[in-house]
Amino acid sequence: MKTQHQTIEIDARAAFKRIGVNLDDSPIAGQCVDCLHELLNRLITTDLLIASLSGAANHKKARRSKQGAVPSQVEPKTGGATHEA
């Protein structure tokens, strides 16, 4: 079975607005976006990819266990027979 990959898109305008920079008014908006794209591509490391695979696997397991989980009731122990010597 062949699966299609998904493209991750980041809104550069929104990202820069978080720090108060409006790219609409900036004469270097294109350079800012290009630099952000380049830096983000460099941040994608083998460790990051492995962490995302691990996170997805853990997320899938967590979802499965929540669906079939039935809470068990434990009866509290009350005074019982004691051994006296």
C-alpha atoms as a PDB file:
ATOM      1  CA  MET A   1       0.000   0.000   0.000  1.00  0.00           C
ATOM      2  CA  LYS A   2       1.426   3.326  -1.046  1.00  0.00           C
ATOM      3  CA  THR A   3       0.794   6.338   1.151  1.00  0.00           C
ATOM      4  CA  GLN A   4       1.078   9.957   0.160  1.00  0.00           C
ATOM      5  CA  HIS A   5       3.286  12.326   2.089  1.00  0.00           C
ATOM      6  CA  GLN A   6       1.974  15.542   3.559  1.00  0.00           C
ATOM      7  CA  THR A   7       3.504  18.941   3.132  1.00  0.00           C
ATOM      8  CA  ILE A   8       4.082  20.964   6.275  1.00  0.00           C
ATOM      9  CA  GLU A   9       3.370  24.623   5.676  1.00  0.00           C
ATOM     10  CA  ILE A  10       4.394  27.468   7.961  1.00  0.00           C
ATOM     11  CA  ASP A  11       2.862  30.913   7.691  1.00  0.00           C
ATOM     12  CA  ALA A  12       5.929  33.159   7.692  1.00  0.00           C
ATOM     13  CA  ARG A  13       3.849  36.318   8.152  1.00  0.00           C
ATOM     14  CA  ALA A  14       2.227  34.898  11.284  1.00  0.00           C
ATOM     15  CA  ALA A  15       5.571  33.627  12.569  1.00  0.00           C
ATOM     16  CA  PHE A  16       7.235  37.011  12.236  1.00  0.00           C
ATOM     17  CA  LYS A  17       4.193  38.801  13.709  1.00  0.00           C
ATOM     18  CA  ARG A  18       4.823  36.835  16.926  1.00  0.00           C
ATOM     19  CA  ILE A  19       7.908  38.987  17.437  1.00  0.00           C
ATOM     20  CA  GLY A  20       6.257  42.172  16.166  1.00  0.00           C
ATOM     21  CA  VAL A  21       7.631  42.194  12.603  1.00  0.00           C
ATOM     22  CA  ASN A  22       5.123  42.934   9.861  1.00  0.00           C
ATOM     23  CA  LEU A  23       6.452  41.427   6.634  1.00  0.00           C
ATOM     24  CA  ASP A  24       3.877  43.380   4.603  1.00  0.00           C
ATOM     25  CA  ASP A  25       5.768  46.598   5.355  1.00  0.00           C
ATOM     26  CA  SER A  26       9.282  45.165   5.192  1.00  0.00           C
ATOM     27  CA  PRO A  27      11.551  45.768   2.194  1.00  0.00           C
ATOM     28  CA  ILE A  28      13.427  42.547   3.063  1.00  0.00           C
ATOM     29  CA  ALA A  29      10.342  40.316   3.454  1.00  0.00           C
ATOM     30  CA  GLY A  30      11.478  37.923   0.738  1.00  0.00           C
ATOM     31  CA  GLN A  31      14.903  37.490   2.302  1.00  0.00           C
ATOM     32  CA  CYS A  32      13.327  36.902   5.737  1.00  0.00           C
ATOM     33  CA  VAL A  33      11.088  34.147   4.383  1.00  0.00           C
ATOM     34  CA  ASP A  34      13.934  32.526   2.434  1.00  0.00           C
ATOM     35  CA  CYS A  35      16.206  32.579   5.471  1.00  0.00           C
ATOM     36  CA  LEU A  36      13.482  31.118   7.714  1.00  0.00           C
ATOM     37  CA  HIS A  37      12.890  28.331   5.182  1.00  0.00           C
ATOM     38  CA  GLU A  38      16.604  27.547   5.016  1.00  0.00           C
ATOM     39  CA  LEU A  39      16.989  27.507   8.798  1.00  0.00           C
ATOM     40  CA  LEU A  40      13.960  25.256   9.293  1.00  0.00           C
ATOM     41  CA  ASN A  41      15.303  22.788   6.722  1.00  0.00           C
ATOM     42  CA  ARG A  42      18.612  22.669   8.618  1.00  0.00           C
ATOM     43  CA  LEU A  43      16.764  21.916  11.856  1.00  0.00           C
ATOM     44  CA  ILE A  44      15.333  18.701  10.425  1.00  0.00           C
ATOM     45  CA  THR A  45      17.796  16.157  11.765  1.00  0.00           C
ATOM     46  CA  THR A  46      17.756  12.393  12.060  1.00  0.00           C
ATOM     47  CA  ASP A  47      17.038  12.769  15.793  1.00  0.00           C
ATOM     48  CA  LEU A  48      14.041  15.006  15.073  1.00  0.00           C
ATOM     49  CA  LEU A  49      12.638  12.524  12.556  1.00  0.00           C
ATOM     50  CA  ILE A  50      13.122   9.595  14.954  1.00  0.00           C
ATOM     51  CA  ALA A  51      11.436  11.579  17.738  1.00  0.00           C
ATOM     52  CA  SER A  52       8.456  12.269  15.458  1.00  0.00           C
ATOM     53  CA  LEU A  53       8.165   8.557  14.590  1.00  0.00           C
ATOM     54  CA  SER A  54       8.331   7.653  18.269  1.00  0.00           C
ATOM     55  CA  GLY A  55       5.773  10.298  19.192  1.00  0.00           C
ATOM     56  CA  ALA A  56       3.383   9.074  16.516  1.00  0.00           C
ATOM     57  CA  ALA A  57       3.748   5.467  17.681  1.00  0.00           C
ATOM     58  CA  ASN A  58       3.140   6.441  21.318  1.00  0.00           C
ATOM     59  CA  HIS A  59       0.145   8.556  20.325  1.00  0.00           C
ATOM     60  CA  LYS A  60      -1.370   5.633  18.423  1.00  0.00           C
ATOM     61  CA  LYS A  61      -0.870   3.281  21.411  1.00  0.00           C
ATOM     62  CA  ALA A  62      -2.389   5.817  23.801  1.00  0.00           C
ATOM     63  CA  ARG A  63      -5.478   6.202  21.635  1.00  0.00           C
ATOM     64  CA  ARG A  64      -5.943   2.439  21.388  1.00  0.00           C
ATOM     65  CA  SER A  65      -5.670   1.848  25.118  1.00  0.00           C
ATOM     66  CA  LYS A  66      -8.162   4.591  25.963  1.00  0.00           C
ATOM     67  CA  GLN A  67     -10.847   3.026  23.784  1.00  0.00           C
ATOM     68  CA  GLY A  68     -10.715  -0.408  25.381  1.00  0.00           C
ATOM     69  CA  ALA A  69      -9.822   0.602  28.919  1.00  0.00           C
ATOM     70  CA  VAL A  70     -12.261  -0.501  31.593  1.00  0.00           C
ATOM     71  CA  PRO A  71     -11.644   0.867  35.068  1.00  0.00           C
ATOM     72  CA  SER A  72     -11.138  -1.891  37.580  1.00  0.00           C
ATOM     73  CA  GLN A  73     -12.474  -1.549  41.067  1.00  0.00           C
ATOM     74  CA  VAL A  74     -10.334  -2.648  43.953  1.00  0.00           C
ATOM     75  CA  GLU A  75     -12.109  -3.480  47.155  1.00  0.00           C
ATOM     76  CA  PRO A  76     -10.394  -2.059  50.197  1.00  0.00           C
ATOM     77  CA  LYS A  77      -9.055  -4.621  52.648  1.00  0.00           C
ATOM     78  CA  THR A  78     -10.791  -4.557  55.941  1.00  0.00           C
ATOM     79  CA  GLY A  79      -9.649  -6.168  59.143  1.00  0.00           C
ATOM     80  CA  GLY A  80      -8.985  -9.831  58.646  1.00  0.00           C
ATOM     81  CA  ALA A  81      -7.548 -12.688  60.592  1.00  0.00           C
ATOM     82  CA  THR A  82      -4.176 -12.058  62.190  1.00  0.00           C
ATOM     83  CA  HIS A  83      -1.494 -14.508  63.130  1.00  0.00           C
ATOM     84  CA  GLU A  84      -0.554 -14.384  66.762  1.00  0.00           C
ATOM     85  CA  ALA A  85       2.247 -16.455  68.166  1.00  0.00           C
END
